[in-house]
PDB file of N, CA and C in Angstrom:
ATOM      1  N   MET A   1      18.684  -1.865 -32.967  1.00  0.00           N
ATOM      2  CA  MET A   1      18.839  -2.147 -31.602  1.00  0.00           C
ATOM      3  C   MET A   1      18.218  -1.624 -30.915  1.00  0.00           C
ATOM      4  N   LYS A   2      18.592  -0.216 -31.165  1.00  0.00           N
ATOM      5  CA  LYS A   2      17.866   1.243 -30.858  1.00  0.00           C
ATOM      6  C   LYS A   2      16.448   1.203 -30.772  1.00  0.00           C
ATOM      7  N   LYS A   3      16.280   0.790 -31.960  1.00  0.00           N
ATOM      8  CA  LYS A   3      14.463   1.045 -31.909  1.00  0.00           C
ATOM      9  C   LYS A   3      13.841   0.067 -30.973  1.00  0.00           C
ATOM     10  N   LYS A   4      14.583  -1.324 -30.596  1.00  0.00           N
ATOM     11  CA  LYS A   4      14.132  -2.221 -29.775  1.00  0.00           C
ATOM     12  C   LYS A   4      14.136  -1.823 -28.410  1.00  0.00           C
ATOM     13  N   TYR A   5      15.809  -1.412 -28.006  1.00  0.00           N
ATOM     14  CA  TYR A   5      15.427  -0.857 -26.800  1.00  0.00           C
ATOM     15  C   TYR A   5      14.447   0.768 -26.381  1.00  0.00           C
ATOM     16  N   GLN A   6      14.167   1.630 -27.394  1.00  0.00           N
ATOM     17  CA  GLN A   6      13.164   2.409 -27.192  1.00  0.00           C
ATOM     18  C   GLN A   6      11.591   1.442 -27.178  1.00  0.00           C
ATOM     19  N   GLY A   7      11.663   0.528 -27.885  1.00  0.00           N
ATOM     20  CA  GLY A   7      10.151  -0.038 -27.489  1.00  0.00           C
ATOM     21  C   GLY A   7       9.953  -0.205 -26.413  1.00  0.00           C
ATOM     22  N   ASN A   8      11.240  -1.334 -25.629  1.00  0.00           N
ATOM     23  CA  ASN A   8      11.350  -1.659 -24.461  1.00  0.00           C
ATOM     24  C   ASN A   8      11.169  -0.655 -23.426  1.00  0.00           C
ATOM     25  N   VAL A   9      11.621   0.524 -23.428  1.00  0.00           N
ATOM     26  CA  VAL A   9      11.283   1.778 -22.507  1.00  0.00           C
ATOM     27  C   VAL A   9      10.130   2.000 -22.606  1.00  0.00           C
ATOM     28  N   LYS A  10       9.831   2.408 -23.844  1.00  0.00           N
ATOM     29  CA  LYS A  10       8.278   2.712 -23.830  1.00  0.00           C
ATOM     30  C   LYS A  10       7.223   1.799 -23.369  1.00  0.00           C
ATOM     31  N   ALA A  11       7.555   0.522 -23.413  1.00  0.00           N
ATOM     32  CA  ALA A  11       6.283  -0.656 -23.007  1.00  0.00           C
ATOM     33  C   ALA A  11       6.860  -0.726 -21.464  1.00  0.00           C
ATOM     34  N   LYS A  12       7.804  -0.215 -20.662  1.00  0.00           N
ATOM     35  CA  LYS A  12       8.045  -0.287 -19.328  1.00  0.00           C
ATOM     36  C   LYS A  12       7.203   0.807 -19.264  1.00  0.00           C
ATOM     37  N   TRP A  13       7.615   1.852 -19.680  1.00  0.00           N
ATOM     38  CA  TRP A  13       6.442   3.277 -19.055  1.00  0.00           C
ATOM     39  C   TRP A  13       5.248   3.273 -19.390  1.00  0.00           C
ATOM     40  N   VAL A  14       4.403   2.320 -19.808  1.00  0.00           N
ATOM     41  CA  VAL A  14       3.432   2.270 -20.139  1.00  0.00           C
ATOM     42  C   VAL A  14       2.701   1.140 -18.950  1.00  0.00           C
ATOM     43  N   GLN A  15       3.426   0.096 -18.706  1.00  0.00           N
ATOM     44  CA  GLN A  15       3.263  -0.742 -17.856  1.00  0.00           C
ATOM     45  C   GLN A  15       2.999  -0.028 -16.283  1.00  0.00           C
ATOM     46  N   LEU A  16       4.230   0.859 -16.092  1.00  0.00           N
ATOM     47  CA  LEU A  16       4.523   1.297 -14.812  1.00  0.00           C
ATOM     48  C   LEU A  16       3.169   2.489 -14.659  1.00  0.00           C
ATOM     49  N   GLN A  17       2.830   3.221 -15.800  1.00  0.00           N
ATOM     50  CA  GLN A  17       1.670   4.211 -15.475  1.00  0.00           C
ATOM     51  C   GLN A  17       0.597   3.119 -14.905  1.00  0.00           C
ATOM     52  N   GLY A  18       0.319   2.189 -15.427  1.00  0.00           N
ATOM     53  CA  GLY A  18      -1.176   1.254 -15.343  1.00  0.00           C
ATOM     54  C   GLY A  18      -0.999   1.153 -13.633  1.00  0.00           C
ATOM     55  N   PHE A  19       0.446   0.863 -12.925  1.00  0.00           N
ATOM     56  CA  PHE A  19       0.771   0.219 -11.968  1.00  0.00           C
ATOM     57  C   PHE A  19       0.556   1.457 -10.808  1.00  0.00           C
ATOM     58  N   HIS A  20       0.741   2.763 -11.631  1.00  0.00           N
ATOM     59  CA  HIS A  20       0.360   4.205 -10.730  1.00  0.00           C
ATOM     60  C   HIS A  20      -0.534   3.884 -10.553  1.00  0.00           C
ATOM     61  N   ILE A  21      -1.774   4.248 -11.530  1.00  0.00           N
ATOM     62  CA  ILE A  21      -3.150   3.772 -11.019  1.00  0.00           C
ATOM     63  C   ILE A  21      -3.675   3.325 -10.461  1.00  0.00           C
ATOM     64  N   GLU A  22      -3.502   1.757 -10.795  1.00  0.00           N
ATOM     65  CA  GLU A  22      -3.723   0.764  -9.536  1.00  0.00           C
ATOM     66  C   GLU A  22      -3.070   1.426  -8.295  1.00  0.00           C
ATOM     67  N   PHE A  23      -2.220   1.561  -8.021  1.00  0.00           N
ATOM     68  CA  PHE A  23      -1.551   2.012  -6.605  1.00  0.00           C
ATOM     69  C   PHE A  23      -2.414   3.258  -6.043  1.00  0.00           C
ATOM     70  N   GLU A  24      -2.516   4.347  -7.028  1.00  0.00           N
ATOM     71  CA  GLU A  24      -3.240   5.659  -6.609  1.00  0.00           C
ATOM     72  C   GLU A  24      -5.149   5.308  -6.020  1.00  0.00           C
ATOM     73  N   THR A  25      -5.294   4.467  -6.842  1.00  0.00           N
ATOM     74  CA  THR A  25      -6.919   4.066  -6.611  1.00  0.00           C
ATOM     75  C   THR A  25      -7.683   3.090  -5.796  1.00  0.00           C
ATOM     76  N   LEU A  26      -5.914   2.255  -5.097  1.00  0.00           N
ATOM     77  CA  LEU A  26      -6.297   0.967  -4.213  1.00  0.00           C
ATOM     78  C   LEU A  26      -6.925   1.669  -2.931  1.00  0.00           C
ATOM     79  N   HIS A  27      -8.018   0.727  -2.548  1.00  0.00           N
ATOM     80  CA  HIS A  27      -8.744   1.029  -1.270  1.00  0.00           C
ATOM     81  C   HIS A  27      -9.062  -0.505  -0.621  1.00  0.00           C
ATOM     82  N   ILE A  28      -9.108  -0.674   0.485  1.00  0.00           N
ATOM     83  CA  ILE A  28      -9.525  -1.836   0.980  1.00  0.00           C
ATOM     84  C   ILE A  28     -11.089  -1.675   1.435  1.00  0.00           C
ATOM     85  N   LYS A  29     -11.262  -3.495   0.039  1.00  0.00           N
ATOM     86  CA  LYS A  29     -12.670  -3.710  -0.088  1.00  0.00           C
ATOM     87  C   LYS A  29     -13.734  -3.888   0.698  1.00  0.00           C
ATOM     88  N   SER A  30     -14.639  -3.958   0.942  1.00  0.00           N
ATOM     89  CA  SER A  30     -15.917  -4.058   1.717  1.00  0.00           C
ATOM     90  C   SER A  30     -15.183  -5.666   2.126  1.00  0.00           C
ATOM     91  N   GLY A  31     -15.499  -5.893   3.261  1.00  0.00           N
ATOM     92  CA  GLY A  31     -15.280  -7.442   4.287  1.00  0.00           C
ATOM     93  C   GLY A  31     -13.522  -7.686   3.953  1.00  0.00           C
ATOM     94  N   GLU A  32     -12.870  -7.037   3.415  1.00  0.00           N
ATOM     95  CA  GLU A  32     -11.372  -7.537   2.844  1.00  0.00           C
ATOM     96  C   GLU A  32     -10.747  -7.364   4.084  1.00  0.00           C
ATOM     97  N   SER A  33      -9.941  -8.491   4.535  1.00  0.00           N
ATOM     98  CA  SER A  33      -9.230  -8.891   5.945  1.00  0.00           C
ATOM     99  C   SER A  33      -7.717  -7.704   5.834  1.00  0.00           C
ATOM    100  N   VAL A  34      -7.120  -7.256   6.451  1.00  0.00           N
ATOM    101  CA  VAL A  34      -6.090  -6.411   6.544  1.00  0.00           C
ATOM    102  C   VAL A  34      -4.676  -7.016   5.757  1.00  0.00           C
ATOM    103  N   THR A  35      -4.437  -8.386   6.214  1.00  0.00           N
ATOM    104  CA  THR A  35      -3.935  -9.102   5.146  1.00  0.00           C
ATOM    105  C   THR A  35      -3.718  -9.598   3.623  1.00  0.00           C
ATOM    106  N   ASN A  36      -5.232  -9.306   3.265  1.00  0.00           N
ATOM    107  CA  ASN A  36      -5.461  -9.359   2.016  1.00  0.00           C
ATOM    108  C   ASN A  36      -5.041  -8.090   1.238  1.00  0.00           C
ATOM    109  N   PHE A  37      -5.546  -6.954   2.231  1.00  0.00           N
ATOM    110  CA  PHE A  37      -5.364  -5.746   1.731  1.00  0.00           C
ATOM    111  C   PHE A  37      -3.525  -5.475   1.544  1.00  0.00           C
ATOM    112  N   PHE A  38      -2.866  -5.779   2.577  1.00  0.00           N
ATOM    113  CA  PHE A  38      -1.701  -5.560   2.863  1.00  0.00           C
ATOM    114  C   PHE A  38      -0.926  -6.504   1.815  1.00  0.00           C
ATOM    115  N   ALA A  39      -1.293  -7.947   1.022  1.00  0.00           N
ATOM    116  CA  ALA A  39      -0.449  -8.268   0.222  1.00  0.00           C
ATOM    117  C   ALA A  39      -0.794  -7.631  -1.407  1.00  0.00           C
ATOM    118  N   ARG A  40      -2.285  -7.463  -1.420  1.00  0.00           N
ATOM    119  CA  ARG A  40      -2.464  -6.594  -2.612  1.00  0.00           C
ATOM    120  C   ARG A  40      -1.633  -5.570  -2.749  1.00  0.00           C
ATOM    121  N   THR A  41      -1.397  -4.444  -1.984  1.00  0.00           N
ATOM    122  CA  THR A  41      -0.391  -3.332  -1.892  1.00  0.00           C
ATOM    123  C   THR A  41       0.665  -3.313  -2.127  1.00  0.00           C
ATOM    124  N   MET A  42       1.273  -4.569  -1.401  1.00  0.00           N
ATOM    125  CA  MET A  42       2.677  -4.867  -1.944  1.00  0.00           C
ATOM    126  C   MET A  42       3.301  -5.790  -2.796  1.00  0.00           C
ATOM    127  N   THR A  43       2.046  -6.355  -3.449  1.00  0.00           N
ATOM    128  CA  THR A  43       2.200  -6.744  -4.707  1.00  0.00           C
ATOM    129  C   THR A  43       2.121  -5.684  -5.795  1.00  0.00           C
ATOM    130  N   ILE A  44       1.176  -4.900  -5.829  1.00  0.00           N
ATOM    131  CA  ILE A  44       1.664  -4.133  -6.961  1.00  0.00           C
ATOM    132  C   ILE A  44       3.134  -2.805  -6.993  1.00  0.00           C
ATOM    133  N   ALA A  45       3.074  -2.321  -5.354  1.00  0.00           N
ATOM    134  CA  ALA A  45       4.324  -1.843  -4.831  1.00  0.00           C
ATOM    135  C   ALA A  45       5.999  -2.373  -5.462  1.00  0.00           C
ATOM    136  N   ASP A  46       6.022  -4.312  -5.418  1.00  0.00           N
ATOM    137  CA  ASP A  46       6.688  -4.729  -5.920  1.00  0.00           C
ATOM    138  C   ASP A  46       7.046  -4.390  -7.601  1.00  0.00           C
ATOM    139  N   LYS A  47       5.781  -4.402  -8.026  1.00  0.00           N
ATOM    140  CA  LYS A  47       5.641  -4.498  -9.393  1.00  0.00           C
ATOM    141  C   LYS A  47       6.264  -3.118  -9.957  1.00  0.00           C
ATOM    142  N   MET A  48       5.852  -2.169  -9.010  1.00  0.00           N
ATOM    143  CA  MET A  48       6.080  -0.802  -9.529  1.00  0.00           C
ATOM    144  C   MET A  48       7.817  -0.608  -9.156  1.00  0.00           C
ATOM    145  N   ARG A  49       8.394  -1.160  -8.318  1.00  0.00           N
ATOM    146  CA  ARG A  49       9.997  -0.868  -8.039  1.00  0.00           C
ATOM    147  C   ARG A  49      10.521  -1.988  -9.003  1.00  0.00           C
ATOM    148  N   ILE A  50       9.672  -3.240  -9.468  1.00  0.00           N
ATOM    149  CA  ILE A  50      10.526  -3.683 -10.454  1.00  0.00           C
ATOM    150  C   ILE A  50      10.868  -2.979 -11.757  1.00  0.00           C
ATOM    151  N   TYR A  51       9.754  -2.187 -12.144  1.00  0.00           N
ATOM    152  CA  TYR A  51       9.953  -1.269 -13.367  1.00  0.00           C
ATOM    153  C   TYR A  51      10.624  -0.137 -12.965  1.00  0.00           C
ATOM    154  N   GLY A  52      11.196  -0.133 -12.163  1.00  0.00           N
ATOM    155  CA  GLY A  52      12.169   1.067 -11.904  1.00  0.00           C
ATOM    156  C   GLY A  52      11.921   2.030 -11.052  1.00  0.00           C
ATOM    157  N   GLU A  53      10.737   1.821 -10.170  1.00  0.00           N
ATOM    158  CA  GLU A  53       9.929   2.657  -9.559  1.00  0.00           C
ATOM    159  C   GLU A  53      10.863   2.897  -8.274  1.00  0.00           C
ATOM    160  N   LYS A  54      10.871   4.541  -7.787  1.00  0.00           N
ATOM    161  CA  LYS A  54      11.594   4.480  -6.518  1.00  0.00           C
ATOM    162  C   LYS A  54      10.770   5.048  -5.656  1.00  0.00           C
ATOM    163  N   LEU A  55      10.085   3.667  -5.204  1.00  0.00           N
ATOM    164  CA  LEU A  55       8.945   3.836  -4.311  1.00  0.00           C
ATOM    165  C   LEU A  55       9.311   3.375  -2.852  1.00  0.00           C
ATOM    166  N   GLU A  56       9.065   4.846  -2.141  1.00  0.00           N
ATOM    167  CA  GLU A  56       9.611   4.677  -0.403  1.00  0.00           C
ATOM    168  C   GLU A  56       8.597   3.891   0.324  1.00  0.00           C
ATOM    169  N   ASP A  57       9.083   2.984   1.848  1.00  0.00           N
ATOM    170  CA  ASP A  57       8.285   2.525   2.195  1.00  0.00           C
ATOM    171  C   ASP A  57       7.019   3.579   3.276  1.00  0.00           C
ATOM    172  N   VAL A  58       7.321   4.835   2.987  1.00  0.00           N
ATOM    173  CA  VAL A  58       7.097   6.026   4.094  1.00  0.00           C
ATOM    174  C   VAL A  58       5.499   6.119   3.208  1.00  0.00           C
ATOM    175  N   THR A  59       5.641   6.098   1.678  1.00  0.00           N
ATOM    176  CA  THR A  59       4.397   6.387   0.438  1.00  0.00           C
ATOM    177  C   THR A  59       3.820   5.460   0.651  1.00  0.00           C
ATOM    178  N   ILE A  60       4.076   3.823   0.778  1.00  0.00           N
ATOM    179  CA  ILE A  60       3.027   2.835   1.029  1.00  0.00           C
ATOM    180  C   ILE A  60       2.474   3.209   2.560  1.00  0.00           C
ATOM    181  N   LEU A  61       3.121   3.194   3.128  1.00  0.00           N
ATOM    182  CA  LEU A  61       2.977   3.416   4.512  1.00  0.00           C
ATOM    183  C   LEU A  61       1.446   4.807   4.640  1.00  0.00           C
ATOM    184  N   GLU A  62       1.398   5.926   4.430  1.00  0.00           N
ATOM    185  CA  GLU A  62       0.980   6.985   4.089  1.00  0.00           C
ATOM    186  C   GLU A  62      -0.479   6.556   2.927  1.00  0.00           C
ATOM    187  N   LYS A  63      -0.082   5.361   2.375  1.00  0.00           N
ATOM    188  CA  LYS A  63      -1.543   5.268   1.107  1.00  0.00           C
ATOM    189  C   LYS A  63      -1.810   4.275   2.009  1.00  0.00           C
ATOM    190  N   VAL A  64      -1.825   2.993   2.881  1.00  0.00           N
ATOM    191  CA  VAL A  64      -2.284   2.323   3.643  1.00  0.00           C
ATOM    192  C   VAL A  64      -3.147   2.954   4.363  1.00  0.00           C
ATOM    193  N   LEU A  65      -2.582   3.740   4.781  1.00  0.00           N
ATOM    194  CA  LEU A  65      -3.420   4.942   5.971  1.00  0.00           C
ATOM    195  C   LEU A  65      -4.142   5.554   5.600  1.00  0.00           C
ATOM    196  N   ARG A  66      -4.370   5.395   4.189  1.00  0.00           N
ATOM    197  CA  ARG A  66      -5.454   6.372   3.907  1.00  0.00           C
ATOM    198  C   ARG A  66      -6.581   5.731   3.350  1.00  0.00           C
ATOM    199  N   SER A  67      -6.360   4.401   3.124  1.00  0.00           N
ATOM    200  CA  SER A  67      -6.985   3.418   2.298  1.00  0.00           C
ATOM    201  C   SER A  67      -8.071   2.754   2.881  1.00  0.00           C
ATOM    202  N   VAL A  68      -7.998   2.548   4.401  1.00  0.00           N
ATOM    203  CA  VAL A  68      -8.628   2.070   5.296  1.00  0.00           C
ATOM    204  C   VAL A  68      -9.999   2.316   5.317  1.00  0.00           C
ATOM    205  N   THR A  69     -10.663   1.489   5.640  1.00  0.00           N
ATOM    206  CA  THR A  69     -12.461   1.789   6.081  1.00  0.00           C
ATOM    207  C   THR A  69     -12.486   2.390   7.331  1.00  0.00           C
ATOM    208  N   PRO A  70     -13.519   3.283   7.326  1.00  0.00           N
ATOM    209  CA  PRO A  70     -13.685   4.090   8.326  1.00  0.00           C
ATOM    210  C   PRO A  70     -13.373   3.488   9.649  1.00  0.00           C
ATOM    211  N   LYS A  71     -13.996   2.217   9.864  1.00  0.00           N
ATOM    212  CA  LYS A  71     -13.753   1.499  11.104  1.00  0.00           C
ATOM    213  C   LYS A  71     -12.609   1.826  11.747  1.00  0.00           C
ATOM    214  N   PHE A  72     -11.434   1.669  10.647  1.00  0.00           N
ATOM    215  CA  PHE A  72     -10.086   1.943  11.228  1.00  0.00           C
ATOM    216  C   PHE A  72      -9.624   3.490  11.695  1.00  0.00           C
ATOM    217  N   ASN A  73     -10.640   4.418  11.516  1.00  0.00           N
ATOM    218  CA  ASN A  73     -10.034   5.936  11.674  1.00  0.00           C
ATOM    219  C   ASN A  73      -9.653   6.211  13.211  1.00  0.00           C
ATOM    220  N   PHE A  74     -10.192   5.650  13.902  1.00  0.00           N
ATOM    221  CA  PHE A  74      -9.383   6.197  15.558  1.00  0.00           C
ATOM    222  C   PHE A  74      -8.300   5.189  15.009  1.00  0.00           C
ATOM    223  N   VAL A  75      -7.670   3.923  14.377  1.00  0.00           N
ATOM    224  CA  VAL A  75      -6.382   3.372  14.797  1.00  0.00           C
ATOM    225  C   VAL A  75      -5.626   4.117  14.172  1.00  0.00           C
ATOM    226  N   VAL A  76      -6.100   4.607  12.855  1.00  0.00           N
ATOM    227  CA  VAL A  76      -5.376   5.573  11.978  1.00  0.00           C
ATOM    228  C   VAL A  76      -4.886   6.490  12.545  1.00  0.00           C
ATOM    229  N   CYS A  77      -5.467   7.411  13.356  1.00  0.00           N
ATOM    230  CA  CYS A  77      -5.127   8.777  14.269  1.00  0.00           C
ATOM    231  C   CYS A  77      -4.230   8.078  15.414  1.00  0.00           C
ATOM    232  N   SER A  78      -4.572   7.488  16.215  1.00  0.00           N
ATOM    233  CA  SER A  78      -4.030   6.801  16.979  1.00  0.00           C
ATOM    234  C   SER A  78      -2.202   7.025  16.473  1.00  0.00           C
ATOM    235  N   ILE A  79      -2.192   6.001  15.215  1.00  0.00           N
ATOM    236  CA  ILE A  79      -0.855   5.418  14.670  1.00  0.00           C
ATOM    237  C   ILE A  79      -0.424   6.970  14.421  1.00  0.00           C
ATOM    238  N   GLU A  80      -1.110   7.700  13.638  1.00  0.00           N
ATOM    239  CA  GLU A  80      -0.525   9.017  13.484  1.00  0.00           C
ATOM    240  C   GLU A  80      -0.272   9.734  14.472  1.00  0.00           C
ATOM    241  N   GLU A  81      -0.366   9.813  15.405  1.00  0.00           N
ATOM    242  CA  GLU A  81       0.018  11.117  16.250  1.00  0.00           C
ATOM    243  C   GLU A  81       0.947  10.310  17.216  1.00  0.00           C
ATOM    244  N   SER A  82       1.259   9.003  17.516  1.00  0.00           N
ATOM    245  CA  SER A  82       2.195   8.508  18.279  1.00  0.00           C
ATOM    246  C   SER A  82       3.157   7.864  17.704  1.00  0.00           C
ATOM    247  N   LYS A  83       3.258   7.576  16.434  1.00  0.00           N
ATOM    248  CA  LYS A  83       4.520   7.395  15.252  1.00  0.00           C
ATOM    249  C   LYS A  83       5.005   8.149  14.551  1.00  0.00           C
ATOM    250  N   ASP A  84       6.446   8.281  14.384  1.00  0.00           N
ATOM    251  CA  ASP A  84       6.892   8.948  13.129  1.00  0.00           C
ATOM    252  C   ASP A  84       6.782   8.167  11.674  1.00  0.00           C
ATOM    253  N   ASN A  85       6.018   8.592  10.568  1.00  0.00           N
ATOM    254  CA  ASN A  85       5.907   7.565  10.128  1.00  0.00           C
ATOM    255  C   ASN A  85       7.524   7.051   8.849  1.00  0.00           C
ATOM    256  N   ASP A  86       8.386   8.115   9.152  1.00  0.00           N
ATOM    257  CA  ASP A  86       9.587   8.185   8.729  1.00  0.00           C
ATOM    258  C   ASP A  86      10.197   6.963   9.517  1.00  0.00           C
ATOM    259  N   THR A  87      10.135   6.359  10.656  1.00  0.00           N
ATOM    260  CA  THR A  87      10.633   5.510  11.311  1.00  0.00           C
ATOM    261  C   THR A  87       9.898   3.899  11.566  1.00  0.00           C
ATOM    262  N   LEU A  88       8.538   4.459  11.096  1.00  0.00           N
ATOM    263  CA  LEU A  88       7.288   2.986  11.469  1.00  0.00           C
ATOM    264  C   LEU A  88       7.741   2.203  10.423  1.00  0.00           C
ATOM    265  N   SER A  89       7.465   0.923  10.693  1.00  0.00           N
ATOM    266  CA  SER A  89       8.087   0.107   9.281  1.00  0.00           C
ATOM    267  C   SER A  89       6.609  -0.612   8.762  1.00  0.00           C
ATOM    268  N   ILE A  90       6.803  -0.795   7.609  1.00  0.00           N
ATOM    269  CA  ILE A  90       5.716  -1.676   6.802  1.00  0.00           C
ATOM    270  C   ILE A  90       4.485  -2.242   8.035  1.00  0.00           C
ATOM    271  N   ASP A  91       5.961  -3.592   8.535  1.00  0.00           N
ATOM    272  CA  ASP A  91       5.519  -4.654   9.427  1.00  0.00           C
ATOM    273  C   ASP A  91       4.544  -4.330  10.603  1.00  0.00           C
ATOM    274  N   GLU A  92       5.158  -3.091  11.041  1.00  0.00           N
ATOM    275  CA  GLU A  92       4.575  -2.495  12.780  1.00  0.00           C
ATOM    276  C   GLU A  92       3.093  -2.217  12.127  1.00  0.00           C
ATOM    277  N   LEU A  93       3.197  -1.375  11.018  1.00  0.00           N
ATOM    278  CA  LEU A  93       1.745  -0.652  10.869  1.00  0.00           C
ATOM    279  C   LEU A  93       0.573  -2.077  10.373  1.00  0.00           C
ATOM    280  N   GLN A  94       0.943  -3.098   9.735  1.00  0.00           N
ATOM    281  CA  GLN A  94       0.115  -4.364   9.457  1.00  0.00           C
ATOM    282  C   GLN A  94       0.044  -5.255  10.554  1.00  0.00           C
ATOM    283  N   ARG A  95       1.093  -5.091  12.152  1.00  0.00           N
ATOM    284  CA  ARG A  95       0.872  -5.695  12.952  1.00  0.00           C
ATOM    285  C   ARG A  95      -0.460  -4.926  13.792  1.00  0.00           C
ATOM    286  N   SER A  96      -0.065  -3.500  13.666  1.00  0.00           N
ATOM    287  CA  SER A  96      -1.511  -2.669  14.649  1.00  0.00           C
ATOM    288  C   SER A  96      -2.514  -2.792  13.931  1.00  0.00           C
ATOM    289  N   LEU A  97      -2.422  -2.929  12.568  1.00  0.00           N
ATOM    290  CA  LEU A  97      -4.074  -3.030  12.160  1.00  0.00           C
ATOM    291  C   LEU A  97      -4.720  -4.439  12.107  1.00  0.00           C
ATOM    292  N   LEU A  98      -3.902  -5.191  12.408  1.00  0.00           N
ATOM    293  CA  LEU A  98      -4.268  -6.714  12.524  1.00  0.00           C
ATOM    294  C   LEU A  98      -4.952  -6.937  13.858  1.00  0.00           C
ATOM    295  N   VAL A  99      -3.993  -6.206  15.171  1.00  0.00           N
ATOM    296  CA  VAL A  99      -4.676  -6.369  16.306  1.00  0.00           C
ATOM    297  C   VAL A  99      -5.705  -5.770  16.568  1.00  0.00           C
ATOM    298  N   HIS A 100      -6.239  -4.689  15.705  1.00  0.00           N
ATOM    299  CA  HIS A 100      -7.352  -3.640  15.908  1.00  0.00           C
ATOM    300  C   HIS A 100      -8.223  -4.854  15.274  1.00  0.00           C
ATOM    301  N   GLU A 101      -7.874  -5.086  13.845  1.00  0.00           N
ATOM    302  CA  GLU A 101      -9.301  -6.082  13.080  1.00  0.00           C
ATOM    303  C   GLU A 101      -9.521  -6.987  13.886  1.00  0.00           C
ATOM    304  N   GLN A 102      -8.576  -7.736  14.632  1.00  0.00           N
ATOM    305  CA  GLN A 102      -9.131  -8.534  15.517  1.00  0.00           C
ATOM    306  C   GLN A 102      -9.908  -8.629  16.592  1.00  0.00           C
ATOM    307  N   LYS A 103      -9.503  -7.414  17.512  1.00  0.00           N
ATOM    308  CA  LYS A 103     -10.527  -6.881  18.542  1.00  0.00           C
ATOM    309  C   LYS A 103     -11.658  -6.219  17.999  1.00  0.00           C
ATOM    310  N   ILE A 104     -11.971  -5.847  17.156  1.00  0.00           N
ATOM    311  CA  ILE A 104     -12.747  -5.622  15.791  1.00  0.00           C
ATOM    312  C   ILE A 104     -13.738  -6.590  15.787  1.00  0.00           C
ATOM    313  N   ASN A 105     -13.122  -7.761  15.481  1.00  0.00           N
ATOM    314  CA  ASN A 105     -13.939  -9.051  14.899  1.00  0.00           C
ATOM    315  C   ASN A 105     -14.404  -9.918  16.019  1.00  0.00           C
ATOM    316  N   GLN A 106     -13.981  -9.747  16.984  1.00  0.00           N
ATOM    317  CA  GLN A 106     -14.301 -10.367  18.499  1.00  0.00           C
ATOM    318  C   GLN A 106     -15.383  -9.866  18.937  1.00  0.00           C
ATOM    319  N   GLN A 107     -15.695  -8.823  18.372  1.00  0.00           N
ATOM    320  CA  GLN A 107     -16.857  -7.885  19.368  1.00  0.00           C
ATOM    321  C   GLN A 107     -18.043  -7.337  18.502  1.00  0.00           C
ATOM    322  N   GLU A 108     -18.041  -8.355  17.159  1.00  0.00           N
ATOM    323  CA  GLU A 108     -18.829  -7.936  16.053  1.00  0.00           C
ATOM    324  C   GLU A 108     -19.647  -9.657  16.381  1.00  0.00           C
TER     325      GLU A 108
END
């Protein structure tokens, strides 16, 4: 029983490390929509939480802000200056980026 439990713990740890690498290397792909990027990000974050990672929303927010393409740089600066990351929700960030994405797409 003890060996079986230890095997499960080790397997979970290995799986969690894989999710950590995936989360750390996550970036928006060229031409990818904000909606799809958020879906990918939240899927990885949810998997990490299922495996016991205490992943705070602010960590996800900061990762998203670091991972968007340069065309969003002015939006990221604006959000960072005007809002406190501790009080900003993931939904609010997604809405802000979606609005700017729509404006950019209309101009192209």
